[in-house]
Protein backbone atom coordinates (compact mmCIF):
# COMPACT_ATOMS: atom_id res chain seq x y z
CA MET A 1 -32.13 -3.00 -43.25
CA ASP A 2 -33.48 -0.09 -45.23
CA THR A 3 -37.33 0.16 -44.92
CA LEU A 4 -39.08 -0.10 -48.26
CA ILE A 5 -41.69 2.73 -49.07
CA ILE A 6 -44.34 2.53 -50.92
CA ALA A 7 -46.14 5.24 -52.32
CA GLU A 8 -49.62 4.23 -53.12
CA VAL A 9 -51.34 5.87 -56.31
CA GLY A 10 -54.19 3.75 -55.79
CA ALA A 11 -56.62 4.93 -58.40
CA ASN A 12 -55.58 8.74 -57.91
CA HIS A 13 -54.68 8.75 -61.48
CA ASN A 14 -57.69 9.59 -62.13
CA ARG A 15 -57.53 7.97 -65.66
CA ASP A 16 -55.46 11.39 -67.07
CA TRP A 17 -51.60 9.98 -68.25
CA ASP A 18 -50.05 13.03 -66.89
CA THR A 19 -51.93 12.94 -63.27
CA ALA A 20 -49.99 8.97 -63.36
CA ILE A 21 -46.86 10.57 -64.54
CA ASN A 22 -47.22 13.98 -61.90
CA HIS A 23 -47.87 10.92 -58.94
CA ILE A 24 -44.55 8.83 -60.29
CA ASP A 25 -42.52 12.00 -60.07
CA VAL A 26 -43.84 13.68 -56.60
CA ALA A 27 -42.89 10.03 -55.20
CA VAL A 28 -39.46 10.07 -56.62
CA GLU A 29 -38.66 13.48 -55.01
CA ALA A 30 -40.41 12.84 -51.32
CA GLY A 31 -37.69 9.94 -51.42
CA CYS A 32 -39.87 6.64 -51.71
CA ASP A 33 -38.77 3.35 -53.21
CA ALA A 34 -41.69 2.20 -55.34
CA VAL A 35 -44.90 3.65 -56.60
CA LYS A 36 -47.49 1.17 -56.70
CA PHE A 37 -50.96 1.52 -58.96
CA GLN A 38 -53.59 -1.27 -58.71
CA THR A 39 -54.82 -3.16 -61.68
CA TYR A 40 -58.35 -4.09 -61.93
CA THR A 41 -61.80 -3.92 -63.86
CA GLY A 42 -64.81 -3.72 -62.08
CA ASP A 43 -66.74 -6.90 -64.11
CA THR A 44 -63.70 -8.89 -62.66
CA LEU A 45 -63.62 -7.36 -58.98
CA TYR A 46 -67.29 -7.25 -58.15
CA ALA A 47 -70.14 -9.68 -58.89
CA LYS A 48 -72.53 -8.48 -61.71
CA GLY A 49 -75.46 -6.69 -59.73
CA THR A 50 -73.95 -5.86 -56.30
CA PRO A 51 -75.87 -3.85 -54.13
CA ASN A 52 -75.00 -0.76 -52.71
CA PHE A 53 -71.34 -0.71 -50.87
CA ALA A 54 -69.78 1.89 -49.39
CA GLY A 55 -72.03 4.43 -50.48
CA TYR A 56 -71.80 3.69 -54.20
CA SER A 57 -75.16 2.83 -55.87
CA ASN A 58 -73.22 0.87 -58.70
CA ILE A 59 -69.69 -0.45 -57.67
CA ASN A 60 -69.17 -2.07 -61.14
CA LYS A 61 -69.48 1.00 -63.02
CA LEU A 62 -67.57 3.41 -60.66
CA MET A 63 -64.50 0.66 -60.87
CA ASN A 64 -64.34 0.30 -64.38
CA ASP A 65 -64.40 4.07 -64.57
CA ILE A 66 -61.55 4.57 -62.08
CA ALA A 67 -60.04 1.81 -63.08
CA LEU A 68 -55.91 1.92 -64.68
CA PRO A 69 -55.68 1.69 -68.41
CA ARG A 70 -54.24 -1.75 -68.81
CA ASP A 71 -52.25 -0.63 -71.57
CA TRP A 72 -50.55 2.11 -69.73
CA GLN A 73 -49.00 -0.23 -67.58
CA PRO A 74 -45.88 -1.15 -69.82
CA LYS A 75 -45.15 2.76 -70.29
CA LEU A 76 -45.52 3.72 -66.46
CA LYS A 77 -43.00 0.70 -65.52
CA GLU A 78 -41.03 2.02 -68.51
CA TYR A 79 -41.09 5.41 -67.40
CA CYS A 80 -40.29 4.66 -63.53
CA ASP A 81 -37.47 2.55 -64.42
CA SER A 82 -36.39 5.99 -66.49
CA VAL A 83 -36.33 8.07 -62.86
CA GLY A 84 -35.18 5.41 -60.71
CA ILE A 85 -38.36 4.23 -58.67
CA GLU A 86 -40.04 0.84 -58.78
CA PHE A 87 -43.45 0.20 -60.30
CA MET A 88 -45.70 -1.82 -58.52
CA SER A 89 -48.99 -2.56 -59.03
CA THR A 90 -51.67 -4.67 -57.08
CA PRO A 91 -53.13 -7.35 -59.12
CA PHE A 92 -56.83 -8.05 -58.68
CA ASP A 93 -57.75 -10.62 -61.02
CA GLU A 94 -55.73 -13.63 -63.22
CA ALA A 95 -55.43 -11.51 -65.81
CA ALA A 96 -53.75 -8.64 -64.15
CA ILE A 97 -51.40 -11.09 -62.66
CA LYS A 98 -50.28 -12.21 -66.10
CA GLU A 99 -49.76 -8.99 -67.43
CA LEU A 100 -47.70 -7.94 -64.62
CA VAL A 101 -45.43 -10.60 -64.41
CA ALA A 102 -45.19 -10.02 -68.18
CA ILE A 103 -43.54 -6.51 -67.68
CA GLY A 104 -41.21 -8.04 -65.08
CA VAL A 105 -42.79 -6.18 -62.19
CA LYS A 106 -40.27 -7.38 -58.78
CA ARG A 107 -42.46 -8.49 -56.72
CA LEU A 108 -46.36 -8.66 -55.94
CA LYS A 109 -48.91 -6.86 -53.34
CA ILE A 110 -51.86 -8.84 -52.26
CA ALA A 111 -54.21 -6.48 -51.19
CA GLY A 112 -55.90 -6.86 -47.66
CA PHE A 113 -59.57 -7.67 -48.75
CA GLU A 114 -58.41 -10.18 -51.40
CA ALA A 115 -55.70 -11.56 -48.52
CA THR A 116 -58.97 -13.37 -47.40
CA ASP A 117 -58.75 -15.86 -50.42
CA PRO A 118 -56.64 -18.16 -50.34
CA ARG A 119 -57.62 -19.37 -54.20
CA PHE A 120 -56.20 -15.94 -55.36
CA VAL A 121 -53.39 -15.85 -53.14
CA GLU A 122 -52.45 -19.21 -54.75
CA VAL A 123 -52.51 -17.22 -58.00
CA CYS A 124 -50.39 -14.81 -56.88
CA ALA A 125 -47.91 -16.99 -55.34
CA SER A 126 -47.48 -19.26 -58.47
CA THR A 127 -45.24 -16.56 -59.94
CA GLY A 128 -43.05 -17.36 -57.80
CA LEU A 129 -42.35 -14.06 -56.93
CA PRO A 130 -41.49 -12.25 -53.81
CA ILE A 131 -45.16 -11.65 -52.13
CA ILE A 132 -46.32 -8.17 -50.14
CA MET A 133 -49.52 -9.24 -48.38
CA SER A 134 -52.00 -7.12 -46.07
CA CYS A 135 -53.37 -8.39 -43.18
CA GLY A 136 -56.33 -6.55 -42.96
CA ILE A 137 -60.45 -7.02 -42.61
CA GLY A 138 -60.83 -10.54 -41.83
CA PHE A 139 -57.61 -11.85 -41.61
CA ASP A 140 -57.29 -14.54 -39.16
CA PHE A 141 -54.38 -16.58 -38.34
CA LYS A 142 -56.02 -19.61 -37.50
CA TYR A 143 -56.11 -20.32 -41.20
CA TRP A 144 -52.74 -19.41 -41.70
CA GLY A 145 -51.69 -23.39 -42.30
CA LYS A 146 -53.04 -22.84 -45.81
CA TYR A 147 -51.06 -20.07 -46.64
CA ILE A 148 -47.93 -21.86 -45.37
CA GLU A 149 -48.42 -24.64 -47.72
CA ILE A 150 -48.71 -21.99 -50.41
CA PHE A 151 -45.83 -20.14 -50.05
CA GLU A 152 -43.78 -23.02 -49.35
CA LYS A 153 -45.26 -24.85 -52.28
CA TYR A 154 -44.21 -21.99 -54.70
CA ASN A 155 -41.14 -20.85 -52.37
CA ASN A 156 -42.22 -17.09 -52.30
CA HIS A 157 -40.40 -14.67 -50.14
CA VAL A 158 -43.16 -13.79 -48.19
CA THR A 159 -43.65 -10.00 -46.29
CA LEU A 160 -46.83 -9.51 -43.98
CA LEU A 161 -48.10 -6.29 -43.75
CA HIS A 162 -50.52 -4.70 -40.52
CA CYS A 163 -53.43 -3.02 -42.10
CA ASN A 164 -56.54 -1.86 -41.06
CA ASN A 165 -58.68 -1.63 -43.79
CA ALA A 166 -61.14 1.65 -42.90
CA TYR A 167 -60.25 4.65 -45.33
CA PRO A 168 -59.30 6.25 -43.25
CA THR A 169 -58.37 4.40 -39.87
CA PRO A 170 -58.79 6.27 -36.80
CA MET A 171 -55.56 6.45 -34.57
CA GLU A 172 -57.32 4.14 -32.03
CA ASP A 173 -58.03 1.61 -34.52
CA VAL A 174 -54.25 1.04 -35.64
CA TYR A 175 -53.38 -1.33 -32.84
CA LEU A 176 -49.64 -1.10 -33.84
CA ASN A 177 -48.52 -3.59 -31.06
CA THR A 178 -49.96 -6.55 -32.66
CA MET A 179 -47.32 -5.88 -35.91
CA PRO A 180 -44.27 -7.49 -34.76
CA THR A 181 -46.44 -10.75 -33.95
CA LEU A 182 -46.39 -10.83 -37.94
CA GLY A 183 -42.47 -11.51 -37.76
CA HIS A 184 -42.92 -14.28 -35.75
CA LYS A 185 -45.49 -16.09 -37.70
CA LYS A 186 -43.96 -19.18 -39.82
CA GLY A 187 -42.57 -18.66 -43.38
CA VAL A 188 -42.61 -14.96 -42.91
CA ASN A 189 -39.86 -13.30 -44.23
CA GLN A 190 -40.10 -9.66 -43.05
CA PHE A 191 -43.03 -7.48 -41.63
CA GLY A 192 -44.56 -3.96 -42.31
CA PHE A 193 -46.95 -1.78 -41.82
CA SER A 194 -49.71 -0.54 -44.55
CA ASP A 195 -51.04 2.65 -43.15
CA HIS A 196 -54.33 4.13 -43.72
CA THR A 197 -54.84 6.87 -41.33
CA MET A 198 -54.07 10.73 -41.96
CA SER A 199 -50.92 10.58 -39.78
CA THR A 200 -47.16 11.13 -40.99
CA LEU A 201 -46.04 9.58 -37.88
CA THR A 202 -47.45 6.35 -37.84
CA PRO A 203 -45.34 4.97 -40.16
CA ALA A 204 -42.22 6.25 -38.52
CA LEU A 205 -43.74 4.81 -35.30
CA ALA A 206 -44.37 1.06 -37.61
CA VAL A 207 -40.24 1.08 -38.47
CA SER A 208 -39.01 1.68 -35.03
CA MET A 209 -40.98 -1.41 -33.88
CA GLY A 210 -38.85 -3.07 -36.96
CA ALA A 211 -41.03 -2.94 -40.09
CA THR A 212 -39.00 -3.20 -42.85
CA VAL A 213 -41.95 -2.27 -45.77
CA ILE A 214 -44.30 0.75 -45.35
CA GLU A 215 -47.08 1.67 -47.99
CA LYS A 216 -49.10 4.55 -47.76
CA HIS A 217 -51.78 6.43 -50.15
CA PHE A 218 -50.95 9.67 -51.58
CA THR A 219 -52.65 12.11 -53.93
CA LEU A 220 -51.44 15.32 -55.70
CA ASP A 221 -54.81 16.95 -54.16
CA ARG A 222 -56.95 15.39 -51.56
CA THR A 223 -59.87 17.81 -53.32
CA MET A 224 -59.46 16.01 -56.71
CA GLU A 225 -62.69 14.06 -57.75
CA GLY A 226 -62.19 10.71 -56.97
CA PRO A 227 -62.97 7.88 -53.95
CA ASP A 228 -58.89 7.58 -53.00
CA HIS A 229 -58.46 11.14 -52.66
CA PRO A 230 -59.52 12.28 -49.56
CA PHE A 231 -57.93 9.69 -47.11
CA ALA A 232 -54.79 10.03 -49.18
CA MET A 233 -51.65 12.17 -48.07
CA GLU A 234 -50.56 15.06 -50.08
CA PRO A 235 -46.79 15.54 -51.97
CA ASP A 236 -45.72 17.64 -48.42
CA GLN A 237 -46.96 15.04 -46.57
CA LEU A 238 -45.45 12.42 -48.25
CA ILE A 239 -42.23 14.26 -48.33
CA GLU A 240 -42.42 14.69 -44.29
CA MET A 241 -43.23 11.00 -43.77
CA VAL A 242 -40.28 10.21 -45.74
CA LYS A 243 -38.07 11.91 -43.41
CA LEU A 244 -39.57 10.76 -40.37
CA VAL A 245 -39.33 7.05 -41.60
CA ARG A 246 -35.81 7.61 -42.27
CA GLU A 247 -35.32 9.13 -39.05
CA ALA A 248 -36.92 6.59 -37.34
CA GLU A 249 -34.52 4.00 -39.23
CA LEU A 250 -31.43 5.94 -37.86
CA VAL A 251 -32.83 5.68 -34.02
CA ARG A 252 -33.76 1.69 -34.14
CA GLY A 253 -30.77 -1.04 -33.60
CA TYR A 254 -28.98 -2.34 -30.44
CA LYS A 255 -25.69 -1.35 -29.59
CA GLU A 256 -23.48 -1.96 -26.29
CA GLY A 257 -20.72 0.53 -25.41
CA PHE A 258 -20.14 4.02 -26.79
CA THR A 259 -21.28 5.48 -29.62
CA ASP A 260 -18.90 7.17 -31.85
CA SER A 261 -20.20 10.46 -30.70
CA GLU A 262 -19.76 10.02 -27.18
CA ILE A 263 -16.43 9.21 -26.98
CA LYS A 264 -15.59 13.09 -26.67
CA PHE A 265 -17.92 12.69 -23.83
CA LYS A 266 -16.24 10.09 -21.90
CA PRO A 267 -14.51 12.38 -19.21
CA GLY A 268 -17.71 13.79 -18.38
CA MET A 269 -18.35 10.17 -16.31
CA ARG A 270 -16.65 9.92 -12.90
CA SER A 271 -13.73 7.91 -11.44
CA VAL A 272 -12.44 7.12 -8.25
CA VAL A 273 -10.72 10.70 -6.36
CA THR A 274 -8.92 10.61 -3.23
CA LYS A 275 -10.21 12.77 -0.41
CA ARG A 276 -6.99 13.54 0.89
CA ASP A 277 -3.02 13.15 0.51
CA LEU A 278 -2.13 9.65 0.40
CA LYS A 279 0.63 7.47 0.95
CA ALA A 280 2.74 4.30 -0.52
CA GLY A 281 1.06 1.69 0.83
CA GLU A 282 -2.25 3.35 2.77
CA LEU A 283 -5.08 1.25 2.53
CA LEU A 284 -8.32 2.93 0.32
CA THR A 285 -11.29 3.28 2.57
CA ALA A 286 -14.80 5.39 2.63
CA ASN A 287 -12.94 7.47 4.64
CA ASN A 288 -9.36 8.58 2.07
CA ILE A 289 -11.82 7.99 -1.03
CA THR A 290 -15.08 9.42 -3.15
CA THR A 291 -16.02 9.77 -6.55
CA LYS A 292 -15.94 13.11 -9.15
CA ARG A 293 -15.50 13.78 -12.46
CA PRO A 294 -13.54 13.31 -14.60
CA CYS A 295 -12.79 9.56 -16.14
CA PHE A 296 -10.15 9.06 -18.48
CA ASP A 297 -9.07 5.78 -20.09
CA HIS A 298 -6.40 5.27 -17.66
CA THR A 299 -8.65 6.06 -14.16
CA VAL A 300 -10.44 3.86 -12.00
CA PRO A 301 -14.33 4.06 -13.06
CA SER A 302 -16.44 5.38 -10.12
CA MET A 303 -18.47 1.75 -11.16
CA ASP A 304 -15.22 -0.15 -9.66
CA TYR A 305 -15.10 2.36 -6.37
CA TYR A 306 -16.48 -1.00 -3.84
CA ASP A 307 -14.02 -3.05 -5.89
CA ILE A 308 -11.06 -1.51 -4.77
CA ILE A 309 -11.95 -0.69 -0.86
CA GLY A 310 -9.20 -2.32 1.03
CA TYR A 311 -6.31 -2.23 -1.60
CA PRO A 312 -3.04 -0.52 -1.11
CA VAL A 313 -1.65 1.98 -3.36
CA GLU A 314 1.39 1.56 -5.01
CA SER A 315 2.44 5.22 -4.84
CA ASP A 316 1.76 8.86 -3.04
CA ILE A 317 -1.23 10.54 -4.42
CA ASP A 318 -2.14 14.08 -4.15
CA ALA A 319 -5.69 15.18 -2.57
CA ASP A 320 -8.28 15.85 -5.32
CA THR A 321 -6.61 13.23 -7.62
CA PRO A 322 -8.00 10.65 -9.65
CA ILE A 323 -6.39 7.45 -8.96
CA ASP A 324 -4.59 5.57 -11.76
CA VAL A 325 -5.06 2.67 -12.95
CA LYS A 326 -1.19 2.12 -12.25
CA ASP A 327 -1.15 3.27 -8.97
CA ILE A 328 -2.83 -0.40 -7.40
CA PRO A 329 -1.63 -3.01 -10.20
CA LEU A 330 -1.37 -5.89 -7.82
CA TYR A 331 -4.68 -5.65 -6.99
CA TYR A 332 -6.79 -4.14 -9.53
CA GLU A 333 -7.61 -5.18 -12.67
CA PRO A 334 -10.22 -2.82 -14.90
CA THR A 335 -13.95 -3.81 -15.50
CA ASP A 336 -15.67 -3.77 -18.64
CA HIS A 337 -16.64 -0.56 -17.25
CA VAL A 338 -13.25 1.17 -17.71
CA PRO A 339 -13.78 3.42 -20.74
CA GLY A 340 -12.27 2.33 -23.90
CA SER A 341 -11.76 -1.15 -22.00
């Protein structure tokens, strides 16, 4: 399955239309599948008079100052459609959910902080749309039964993202080995990684471990003013990250037997070879056979060396010659180790 790469703009549009469009263009150029904004207001996200939080003295005002203008959403989606990338936005209030459904988004993303609120999760799930949910700060699977009931009620396709909600996340706090466990939870269809590290590599590592959705914040310039810019990737890093993810897609998987690229190198394997001239009817022993390269479809592979000890050959064979399977037809049946069998 191809990885869905979501390029997260967040608030990095800085409430400037051209900046928002430039972010979309960068995501397209990088090869991302979706570009995601966030839909909120300070008044619906935080209670009035919330005290100092994350270093901000007036979080309500800050969120209002950086919020995506709601009337941009239909136009941003239209632009995304025109350039071939999926438009997404994370909703943070009921009105936002309705607005996004109305403009035809394909899925809804539930942020890590909001994932700990079953009430809000149900409002999102009630749309019937596929749900991508970050399992970040404070999320506890001992309550997973509540979520199963919600998602089964509305028949949602569910993707859970491993997540750490520190911005940025130190590498030692990623704990990526816990990510695949998300895919074993009842009611979960896919799992992935919402990455807040400064690394271009961690998403590819997640993909190599089975992640099918990657989410990563990006910006046009990390030095721009705004709370989301400092921990976001710049365009060249986003390009590199996508490249690494696509390479990780290529190397993962499971296969038995030869790969297409190995076929021409099959002769580099070993087969059973005579140490000296053999006469027809002579028994094969450790004294008259050894193993050497090459190995062909018609020769006895070295894997079967011990299996043919004590068998007579049907015809004369010169010294230092790979033994052909036709030389011992009555006594030897090629095993599944024989190249091409």
